[in-house]
Amino acid sequence: MSFITDLTRMWLTRSPKPFTFKNEYDQTLPYAQCDGLGLYVHIPFCKNLCNFCPYCKVRYSKELCDKYIDALIKEIHLVGNQHSSKKKVTSLYFGGGTPALAADRIKEIIDALNKHFIITEGIGLELHPDNVTPDVLKVLKDAGVTKISIGIQSFCDKYQSILGRKAVDTNLMMSALKEVPFETVSMDFIFALPNQTFEDLKSDIDKAFSIGANHIAIYPFIDFTFTKSPVSAMPKKEKRKLLDDITKYCLKKGYVRDSIWTFSSDKDAKYSSMTRDNFLGFGCSATTLLKDQFKINTFDVESYCDRIDNGDLATSLTIRFSKRQRMIYWLFWTAYSTKVDSKDFEKFFKVPLKSMYGFELFLAKLLGFIKEHNGVYEMTLKGAFYYHYYENFYTLSYIDKMWGIMRKEAFPKKIEL
């Protein structure tokens, strides 16, 4: 797998040099001039640790959670105070972990961010199904949350059992969502589980929209080496047919496809913390992407709190991008939306897209991966599948390696990918 990603990296960056992350960081972050800036906050606490989940998480205790939130608010002010005027940003997303375990302090966090940033496109927060109750939803809505994403994974009992989750009470969920409405209600599902069928996923999707969702995300199951999940990945041929069938079904139903794996019944319902030109991340394992650098915070909660309490950022690793490396990062995550507008590329990098990757675009069109109209390149069904297929290699070659190391070392000296 690393052979494929290494070749791709060398070809697209026109360099044999690996992506090198070093134990260094800028105390002052140059985000003031960044357009399209987003915000992300990580809350790493869970009551139960699902064995399939690769994200940075620890078992919840109120004492540790409060200590962490105190440090998180300090980090926000450490970064926000670097610039005298408020910075306009697109959106704010809370991920985890289970952010609702800190529901009573979400408003404090949002208030801290509002002192330094003007949020223009709403505030999203991830929820465990157990948290979808009128009481919790009211607290979140009063705090300013406008979008929620519920990690269902599957409504099918057989898959809940495989994933170590309990059955979802859909009647209680539907009642809570009716009582406390949100601008976007997204529900997450995992596809490509063992022996999963089109009918299984179709049932999940139909149920989601029937009980209050106006947006769904169907993420592929990825078998990270450092998780203890007993689940095995679905073979490529079956996975492609399943993705194609469910995509065609959603499009036939009139749902809007706004990324590789997301569909909405309302064109204004959006939920994605990934498709941003630049973003600031706060909290354990949170990443920050700026014009010429990408940094990631330590995964260790205690180390994170200690760094922040000392008045330093909790950055564990930083990569200083070459121009081509930044272009590849931009193209990879922009393509997640299934479309790349050459005007956006030229605005960001000050060079035409075709002058940098004309041959690759020609080849992608020839292979039937993309189609082009007035400088906008859009993925075909075939292209969407192979994006997903390559993303799986990328995840296992890069993210799996990096996260695996960072789960063991708070501040590793260097990682080459």
Protein backbone atom coordinates (compact mmCIF):
# COMPACT_ATOMS: atom_id res chain seq x y z
CA MET A 1 0.00 0.00 0.00
CA SER A 2 2.78 2.46 0.87
CA PHE A 3 4.34 1.68 -2.54
CA ILE A 4 1.24 3.08 -4.30
CA THR A 5 1.05 6.21 -2.15
CA ASP A 6 4.82 6.79 -2.39
CA LEU A 7 4.73 6.65 -6.19
CA THR A 8 1.71 8.93 -6.31
CA ARG A 9 3.35 11.41 -3.93
CA MET A 10 6.61 11.51 -5.94
CA TRP A 11 4.75 11.89 -9.23
CA LEU A 12 2.38 14.66 -8.10
CA THR A 13 4.95 16.63 -6.04
CA ARG A 14 7.65 16.10 -8.67
CA SER A 15 10.03 15.21 -5.85
CA PRO A 16 11.35 12.09 -4.11
CA LYS A 17 11.19 13.88 -0.74
CA PRO A 18 8.71 12.40 1.76
CA PHE A 19 6.21 14.42 3.78
CA THR A 20 8.29 15.25 6.85
CA PHE A 21 6.61 16.20 10.14
CA LYS A 22 8.95 17.65 12.78
CA ASN A 23 8.63 18.34 16.49
CA GLU A 24 8.47 22.10 16.02
CA TYR A 25 5.85 24.81 15.77
CA ASP A 26 5.19 28.52 15.48
CA GLN A 27 3.88 30.05 18.72
CA THR A 28 2.25 32.76 16.60
CA LEU A 29 0.07 31.35 13.83
CA PRO A 30 -0.23 33.32 10.56
CA TYR A 31 -3.97 32.86 10.05
CA ALA A 32 -5.08 36.51 9.80
CA GLN A 33 -4.70 36.63 6.00
CA CYS A 34 -6.23 33.19 5.38
CA ASP A 35 -9.51 33.22 3.43
CA GLY A 36 -12.11 30.50 3.91
CA LEU A 37 -10.87 29.78 7.44
CA GLY A 38 -12.79 27.18 9.46
CA LEU A 39 -12.65 26.23 13.14
CA TYR A 40 -12.55 22.77 14.73
CA VAL A 41 -12.70 21.79 18.42
CA HIS A 42 -11.94 18.27 19.66
CA ILE A 43 -13.59 16.84 22.78
CA PRO A 44 -11.91 13.43 23.35
CA PHE A 45 -14.16 11.94 26.04
CA CYS A 46 -16.41 8.87 25.66
CA LYS A 47 -18.33 6.80 28.20
CA ASN A 48 -17.47 3.64 26.26
CA LEU A 49 -14.55 3.25 23.85
CA CYS A 50 -15.78 1.68 20.58
CA ASN A 51 -13.14 -0.70 19.23
CA PHE A 52 -13.65 0.33 15.60
CA CYS A 53 -13.13 4.07 16.20
CA PRO A 54 -9.62 5.40 15.37
CA TYR A 55 -10.06 8.91 16.73
CA CYS A 56 -8.34 10.40 19.77
CA LYS A 57 -10.48 9.46 22.76
CA VAL A 58 -10.26 8.64 26.48
CA ARG A 59 -12.76 7.34 29.00
CA TYR A 60 -14.86 10.12 30.49
CA SER A 61 -14.44 11.45 33.99
CA LYS A 62 -15.95 14.79 34.99
CA GLU A 63 -12.78 15.93 36.76
CA LEU A 64 -10.53 15.28 33.77
CA CYS A 65 -13.10 16.68 31.35
CA ASP A 66 -13.37 19.96 33.29
CA LYS A 67 -9.57 20.24 33.48
CA TYR A 68 -9.40 19.68 29.73
CA ILE A 69 -12.11 22.25 28.91
CA ASP A 70 -10.29 24.82 31.08
CA ALA A 71 -7.13 24.21 29.03
CA LEU A 72 -9.10 24.27 25.77
CA ILE A 73 -10.49 27.72 26.54
CA LYS A 74 -6.95 28.90 27.38
CA GLU A 75 -5.73 27.57 24.01
CA ILE A 76 -8.48 29.48 22.20
CA HIS A 77 -7.38 32.73 23.87
CA LEU A 78 -3.68 31.95 23.26
CA VAL A 79 -4.38 31.77 19.53
CA GLY A 80 -7.15 34.37 19.33
CA ASN A 81 -5.20 37.06 21.20
CA GLN A 82 -2.47 36.93 18.55
CA HIS A 83 -4.54 39.31 16.39
CA SER A 84 -6.27 42.47 17.58
CA SER A 85 -9.32 42.36 15.30
CA LYS A 86 -11.92 39.63 15.00
CA LYS A 87 -11.34 37.20 12.13
CA LYS A 88 -14.28 36.20 9.94
CA VAL A 89 -14.49 32.37 9.63
CA THR A 90 -16.79 29.99 7.81
CA SER A 91 -17.94 27.54 10.45
CA LEU A 92 -17.18 25.81 13.73
CA TYR A 93 -17.34 22.05 14.26
CA PHE A 94 -17.09 20.06 17.47
CA GLY A 95 -15.83 16.49 17.06
CA GLY A 96 -14.76 13.69 19.35
CA GLY A 97 -15.04 11.61 21.28
CA THR A 98 -18.50 12.53 22.48
CA PRO A 99 -18.77 16.34 22.70
CA ALA A 100 -22.21 16.15 24.35
CA LEU A 101 -20.55 14.80 27.50
CA ALA A 102 -19.37 18.40 27.94
CA ALA A 103 -22.75 19.87 26.92
CA ASP A 104 -22.91 22.09 30.00
CA ARG A 105 -19.65 23.80 28.93
CA ILE A 106 -20.14 24.04 25.15
CA LYS A 107 -21.48 27.59 25.52
CA GLU A 108 -18.31 28.63 27.39
CA ILE A 109 -16.22 27.32 24.51
CA ILE A 110 -18.37 29.05 21.88
CA ASP A 111 -18.32 32.30 23.85
CA ALA A 112 -14.51 32.15 23.98
CA LEU A 113 -14.33 31.64 20.23
CA ASN A 114 -16.84 34.45 19.60
CA LYS A 115 -14.44 36.87 21.31
CA HIS A 116 -11.92 36.34 18.51
CA PHE A 117 -13.87 35.08 15.49
CA ILE A 118 -17.07 35.88 13.56
CA ILE A 119 -18.71 32.57 12.61
CA THR A 120 -20.72 32.99 9.39
CA GLU A 121 -21.93 29.51 8.41
CA GLY A 122 -23.13 27.95 11.66
CA ILE A 123 -21.91 25.63 14.39
CA GLY A 124 -21.95 21.83 14.12
CA LEU A 125 -21.53 19.17 16.80
CA GLU A 126 -21.25 15.38 16.74
CA LEU A 127 -23.61 13.33 18.91
CA HIS A 128 -23.79 9.75 20.12
CA PRO A 129 -27.35 8.38 19.69
CA ASP A 130 -27.68 8.18 23.50
CA ASN A 131 -27.27 11.98 23.64
CA VAL A 132 -30.21 12.72 21.35
CA THR A 133 -32.63 13.71 24.09
CA PRO A 134 -34.71 16.91 24.41
CA ASP A 135 -32.72 18.06 27.45
CA VAL A 136 -29.30 17.72 25.78
CA LEU A 137 -30.50 19.15 22.47
CA LYS A 138 -31.98 22.22 24.19
CA VAL A 139 -28.71 22.91 26.01
CA LEU A 140 -26.78 22.66 22.73
CA LYS A 141 -29.22 24.81 20.79
CA ASP A 142 -29.22 27.48 23.50
CA ALA A 143 -25.40 27.46 23.33
CA GLY A 144 -25.56 28.35 19.62
CA VAL A 145 -25.28 24.95 17.90
CA THR A 146 -27.13 24.99 14.56
CA LYS A 147 -26.13 21.62 13.08
CA ILE A 148 -25.83 18.17 14.59
CA SER A 149 -24.33 14.94 13.29
CA ILE A 150 -25.49 11.71 14.92
CA GLY A 151 -23.15 8.69 14.77
CA ILE A 152 -25.73 5.99 14.04
CA GLN A 153 -23.32 3.65 12.13
CA SER A 154 -26.26 1.32 11.37
CA PHE A 155 -29.86 0.81 12.42
CA CYS A 156 -29.46 -2.92 11.71
CA ASP A 157 -29.09 -4.94 14.91
CA LYS A 158 -26.56 -7.33 13.36
CA TYR A 159 -24.14 -4.49 12.56
CA GLN A 160 -24.68 -2.71 15.88
CA SER A 161 -23.64 -5.98 17.50
CA ILE A 162 -20.55 -6.32 15.27
CA LEU A 163 -19.54 -2.75 16.13
CA GLY A 164 -20.14 -3.24 19.85
CA ARG A 165 -23.03 -0.76 19.91
CA LYS A 166 -26.56 -1.12 21.25
CA ALA A 167 -29.75 -0.74 19.23
CA VAL A 168 -31.02 2.78 18.52
CA ASP A 169 -34.48 3.71 19.81
CA THR A 170 -35.74 5.44 16.67
CA ASN A 171 -39.07 6.52 18.19
CA LEU A 172 -37.35 8.40 21.03
CA MET A 173 -34.87 9.92 18.58
CA MET A 174 -37.60 11.09 16.21
CA SER A 175 -39.54 12.61 19.10
CA ALA A 176 -36.47 14.51 20.39
CA LEU A 177 -35.60 15.82 16.91
CA LYS A 178 -39.16 17.09 16.43
CA GLU A 179 -39.16 18.80 19.80
CA VAL A 180 -35.79 20.54 19.26
CA PRO A 181 -35.21 21.21 15.54
CA PHE A 182 -31.85 22.12 13.99
CA GLU A 183 -30.86 23.64 10.65
CA THR A 184 -29.01 20.44 9.70
CA VAL A 185 -29.58 16.99 11.18
CA SER A 186 -27.00 14.64 9.72
CA MET A 187 -26.75 10.92 10.45
CA ASP A 188 -23.53 8.94 9.92
CA PHE A 189 -23.43 5.38 8.64
CA ILE A 190 -20.61 2.93 7.94
CA PHE A 191 -20.63 1.06 4.65
CA ALA A 192 -18.60 -1.92 3.46
CA LEU A 193 -19.15 -3.94 6.63
CA PRO A 194 -18.93 -7.76 6.28
CA ASN A 195 -21.79 -9.11 4.13
CA GLN A 196 -23.53 -5.73 4.10
CA THR A 197 -26.03 -5.47 1.25
CA PHE A 198 -27.66 -2.70 -0.72
CA GLU A 199 -30.94 -3.45 1.08
CA ASP A 200 -29.21 -3.00 4.46
CA LEU A 201 -27.92 0.46 3.51
CA LYS A 202 -31.12 1.45 1.71
CA SER A 203 -33.06 0.61 4.86
CA ASP A 204 -30.69 2.74 6.96
CA ILE A 205 -30.98 5.70 4.61
CA ASP A 206 -34.78 5.53 4.36
CA LYS A 207 -35.11 5.30 8.12
CA ALA A 208 -32.75 8.22 8.69
CA PHE A 209 -34.74 10.58 6.50
CA SER A 210 -38.04 9.32 7.91
CA ILE A 211 -37.12 10.08 11.56
CA GLY A 212 -35.75 13.58 11.08
CA ALA A 213 -32.46 13.64 9.17
CA ASN A 214 -32.07 16.01 6.22
CA HIS A 215 -28.47 14.93 5.55
CA ILE A 216 -26.62 11.60 5.67
CA ALA A 217 -22.97 10.55 5.53
CA ILE A 218 -21.97 7.04 4.45
CA TYR A 219 -18.34 6.55 5.42
CA PRO A 220 -16.35 3.48 4.38
CA PHE A 221 -15.15 1.10 7.07
CA ILE A 222 -11.35 1.33 7.33
CA ASP A 223 -9.43 -1.30 9.26
CA PHE A 224 -6.83 0.73 11.18
CA THR A 225 -3.96 -1.39 12.47
CA PHE A 226 -3.98 0.19 15.94
CA THR A 227 -7.68 -0.44 16.67
CA LYS A 228 -8.89 -3.71 18.17
CA SER A 229 -11.82 -4.12 15.83
CA PRO A 230 -12.61 -7.73 14.83
CA VAL A 231 -14.34 -6.47 11.67
CA SER A 232 -12.73 -7.30 8.33
CA ALA A 233 -12.90 -5.06 5.26
CA MET A 234 -15.14 -5.82 2.27
CA PRO A 235 -13.43 -6.90 -1.00
CA LYS A 236 -12.93 -4.17 -3.64
CA LYS A 237 -15.39 -5.46 -6.24
CA GLU A 238 -18.25 -5.79 -3.75
CA LYS A 239 -17.42 -2.41 -2.22
CA ARG A 240 -17.54 -0.65 -5.60
CA LYS A 241 -20.92 -2.15 -6.49
CA LEU A 242 -22.34 -1.23 -3.09
CA LEU A 243 -21.11 2.38 -3.36
CA ASP A 244 -22.39 2.72 -6.94
CA ASP A 245 -25.79 1.22 -6.09
CA ILE A 246 -26.35 3.40 -3.05
CA THR A 247 -25.19 6.53 -4.93
CA LYS A 248 -27.59 5.83 -7.79
CA TYR A 249 -30.40 5.19 -5.32
CA CYS A 250 -29.82 8.50 -3.52
CA LEU A 251 -29.61 10.47 -6.78
CA LYS A 252 -32.78 8.79 -8.07
CA LYS A 253 -34.56 9.85 -4.89
CA GLY A 254 -33.57 13.44 -5.67
CA TYR A 255 -31.04 13.81 -2.86
CA VAL A 256 -28.22 16.32 -3.39
CA ARG A 257 -24.72 14.87 -3.37
CA ASP A 258 -22.42 17.37 -1.69
CA SER A 259 -19.37 15.15 -1.19
CA ILE A 260 -18.07 11.66 -1.92
CA TRP A 261 -20.14 10.08 0.84
CA THR A 262 -22.80 12.65 1.78
CA PHE A 263 -26.31 13.29 0.51
CA SER A 264 -29.03 15.68 1.62
CA SER A 265 -32.78 15.93 1.13
CA ASP A 266 -32.48 19.71 1.50
CA LYS A 267 -29.89 21.48 -0.68
CA ASP A 268 -29.14 23.92 2.15
CA ALA A 269 -28.43 21.15 4.67
CA LYS A 270 -24.66 20.71 4.82
CA TYR A 271 -22.32 19.08 7.30
CA SER A 272 -18.61 18.83 6.58
CA SER A 273 -15.61 19.97 8.59
CA MET A 274 -13.18 18.72 5.92
CA THR A 275 -13.65 20.86 2.83
CA ARG A 276 -11.99 24.08 4.03
CA ASP A 277 -9.07 25.90 2.39
CA ASN A 278 -7.64 26.66 5.83
CA PHE A 279 -8.66 25.87 9.38
CA LEU A 280 -7.64 26.25 13.02
CA GLY A 281 -7.93 23.24 15.32
CA PHE A 282 -8.23 23.37 19.11
CA GLY A 283 -7.85 20.49 21.56
CA CYS A 284 -6.12 17.11 21.66
CA SER A 285 -5.25 15.69 18.20
CA ALA A 286 -6.79 18.73 16.49
CA THR A 287 -5.07 19.81 13.28
CA THR A 288 -4.45 23.26 11.87
CA LEU A 289 -4.03 23.89 8.14
CA LEU A 290 -2.62 27.21 6.95
CA LYS A 291 -1.22 28.35 3.61
CA ASP A 292 2.27 26.95 4.11
CA GLN A 293 2.00 24.56 7.06
CA PHE A 294 -0.02 21.81 8.68
CA LYS A 295 0.25 21.07 12.39
CA ILE A 296 -1.25 18.51 14.72
CA ASN A 297 -1.70 18.74 18.49
CA THR A 298 -0.59 16.05 20.90
CA PHE A 299 -2.94 13.10 21.43
CA ASP A 300 -2.18 12.94 25.16
CA VAL A 301 -4.72 14.78 27.35
CA GLU A 302 -2.40 15.41 30.32
CA SER A 303 0.44 16.61 28.08
CA TYR A 304 -2.00 18.86 26.25
CA CYS A 305 -3.19 20.46 29.52
CA ASP A 306 0.39 20.90 30.80
CA ARG A 307 1.56 22.65 27.60
CA ILE A 308 -1.41 25.02 27.54
CA ASP A 309 -1.15 25.80 31.27
CA ASN A 310 2.47 26.82 30.64
CA GLY A 311 1.29 29.29 28.00
CA ASP A 312 2.59 27.25 25.05
CA LEU A 313 0.68 25.71 22.15
CA ALA A 314 0.17 21.94 22.36
CA THR A 315 1.55 21.26 18.87
CA SER A 316 3.21 17.88 18.55
CA LEU A 317 4.26 17.89 14.87
CA THR A 318 4.44 20.38 12.01
CA ILE A 319 5.05 20.02 8.27
CA ARG A 320 6.28 22.99 6.23
CA PHE A 321 4.75 22.49 2.78
CA SER A 322 6.54 22.83 -0.50
CA LYS A 323 4.31 24.53 -3.08
CA ARG A 324 3.50 21.23 -4.80
CA GLN A 325 2.77 19.49 -1.49
CA ARG A 326 0.29 22.22 -0.57
CA MET A 327 -1.35 21.89 -3.99
CA ILE A 328 -1.81 18.15 -3.55
CA TYR A 329 -3.30 18.62 -0.12
CA TRP A 330 -5.70 21.26 -1.47
CA LEU A 331 -6.72 19.13 -4.45
CA PHE A 332 -7.20 15.96 -2.39
CA TRP A 333 -9.58 17.50 0.14
CA THR A 334 -11.32 19.81 -2.33
CA ALA A 335 -12.03 16.75 -4.49
CA TYR A 336 -13.84 15.27 -1.47
CA SER A 337 -16.75 17.52 -2.50
CA THR A 338 -16.69 15.68 -5.91
CA LYS A 339 -15.86 18.93 -7.73
CA VAL A 340 -12.75 21.05 -8.33
CA ASP A 341 -13.15 24.52 -9.82
CA SER A 342 -10.00 25.64 -11.62
CA LYS A 343 -10.84 29.27 -10.73
CA ASP A 344 -10.64 28.41 -7.01
CA PHE A 345 -7.26 26.74 -7.52
CA GLU A 346 -5.88 29.73 -9.40
CA LYS A 347 -7.21 32.15 -6.79
CA PHE A 348 -5.51 30.20 -3.99
CA PHE A 349 -2.16 29.42 -5.69
CA LYS A 350 -1.90 32.26 -8.26
CA VAL A 351 -1.20 29.79 -11.08
CA PRO A 352 -3.56 28.00 -13.49
CA LEU A 353 -4.53 24.44 -12.55
CA LYS A 354 -3.81 23.15 -16.07
CA SER A 355 -0.29 24.56 -16.04
CA MET A 356 0.46 22.47 -12.95
CA TYR A 357 -1.58 19.30 -13.54
CA GLY A 358 -2.78 19.43 -17.13
CA PHE A 359 -1.52 15.94 -17.98
CA GLU A 360 -3.10 14.39 -14.88
CA LEU A 361 -6.45 16.04 -15.69
CA PHE A 362 -6.24 14.80 -19.30
CA LEU A 363 -5.49 11.27 -18.06
CA ALA A 364 -8.33 11.38 -15.51
CA LYS A 365 -10.79 12.40 -18.25
CA LEU A 366 -9.45 9.72 -20.59
CA LEU A 367 -9.94 7.04 -17.91
CA GLY A 368 -13.48 8.22 -17.20
CA PHE A 369 -12.76 9.47 -13.68
CA ILE A 370 -13.86 13.06 -14.29
CA LYS A 371 -15.79 15.24 -16.70
CA GLU A 372 -15.17 18.95 -17.26
CA HIS A 373 -17.43 21.91 -18.00
CA ASN A 374 -16.24 25.52 -18.06
CA GLY A 375 -13.20 24.73 -15.94
CA VAL A 376 -15.10 22.77 -13.30
CA TYR A 377 -13.96 19.16 -12.96
CA GLU A 378 -16.58 16.79 -11.57
CA MET A 379 -16.13 13.15 -10.58
CA THR A 380 -18.03 10.40 -12.33
CA LEU A 381 -19.33 7.39 -10.38
CA LYS A 382 -16.17 5.58 -11.43
CA GLY A 383 -14.01 8.48 -10.28
CA ALA A 384 -15.81 8.69 -6.93
CA PHE A 385 -15.13 5.03 -6.26
CA TYR A 386 -11.45 5.28 -7.11
CA TYR A 387 -11.14 8.41 -4.99
CA HIS A 388 -12.56 6.35 -2.14
CA TYR A 389 -10.25 3.44 -3.02
CA TYR A 390 -7.15 5.64 -3.04
CA GLU A 391 -8.27 7.41 0.11
CA ASN A 392 -8.21 4.01 1.80
CA PHE A 393 -4.54 3.57 0.77
CA TYR A 394 -3.76 7.10 1.89
CA THR A 395 -5.41 6.53 5.26
CA LEU A 396 -3.60 3.27 5.95
CA SER A 397 -0.22 4.51 4.67
CA TYR A 398 -0.21 7.96 6.22
CA ILE A 399 -2.89 8.53 8.87
CA ASP A 400 -2.66 5.02 10.31
CA LYS A 401 1.10 5.35 10.73
CA MET A 402 1.01 8.87 12.17
CA TRP A 403 -1.89 8.28 14.57
CA GLY A 404 -0.42 4.95 15.63
CA ILE A 405 2.82 6.67 16.70
CA MET A 406 1.11 9.67 18.27
CA ARG A 407 -1.16 7.48 20.40
CA LYS A 408 2.04 6.16 22.03
CA GLU A 409 4.23 9.28 22.06
CA ALA A 410 2.97 12.70 23.13
CA PHE A 411 5.70 14.55 21.20
CA PRO A 412 7.58 12.33 18.71
CA LYS A 413 10.76 13.84 17.26
CA LYS A 414 9.94 13.32 13.58
CA ILE A 415 7.66 11.29 11.29
CA GLU A 416 8.28 10.76 7.57
CA LEU A 417 5.44 9.65 5.34
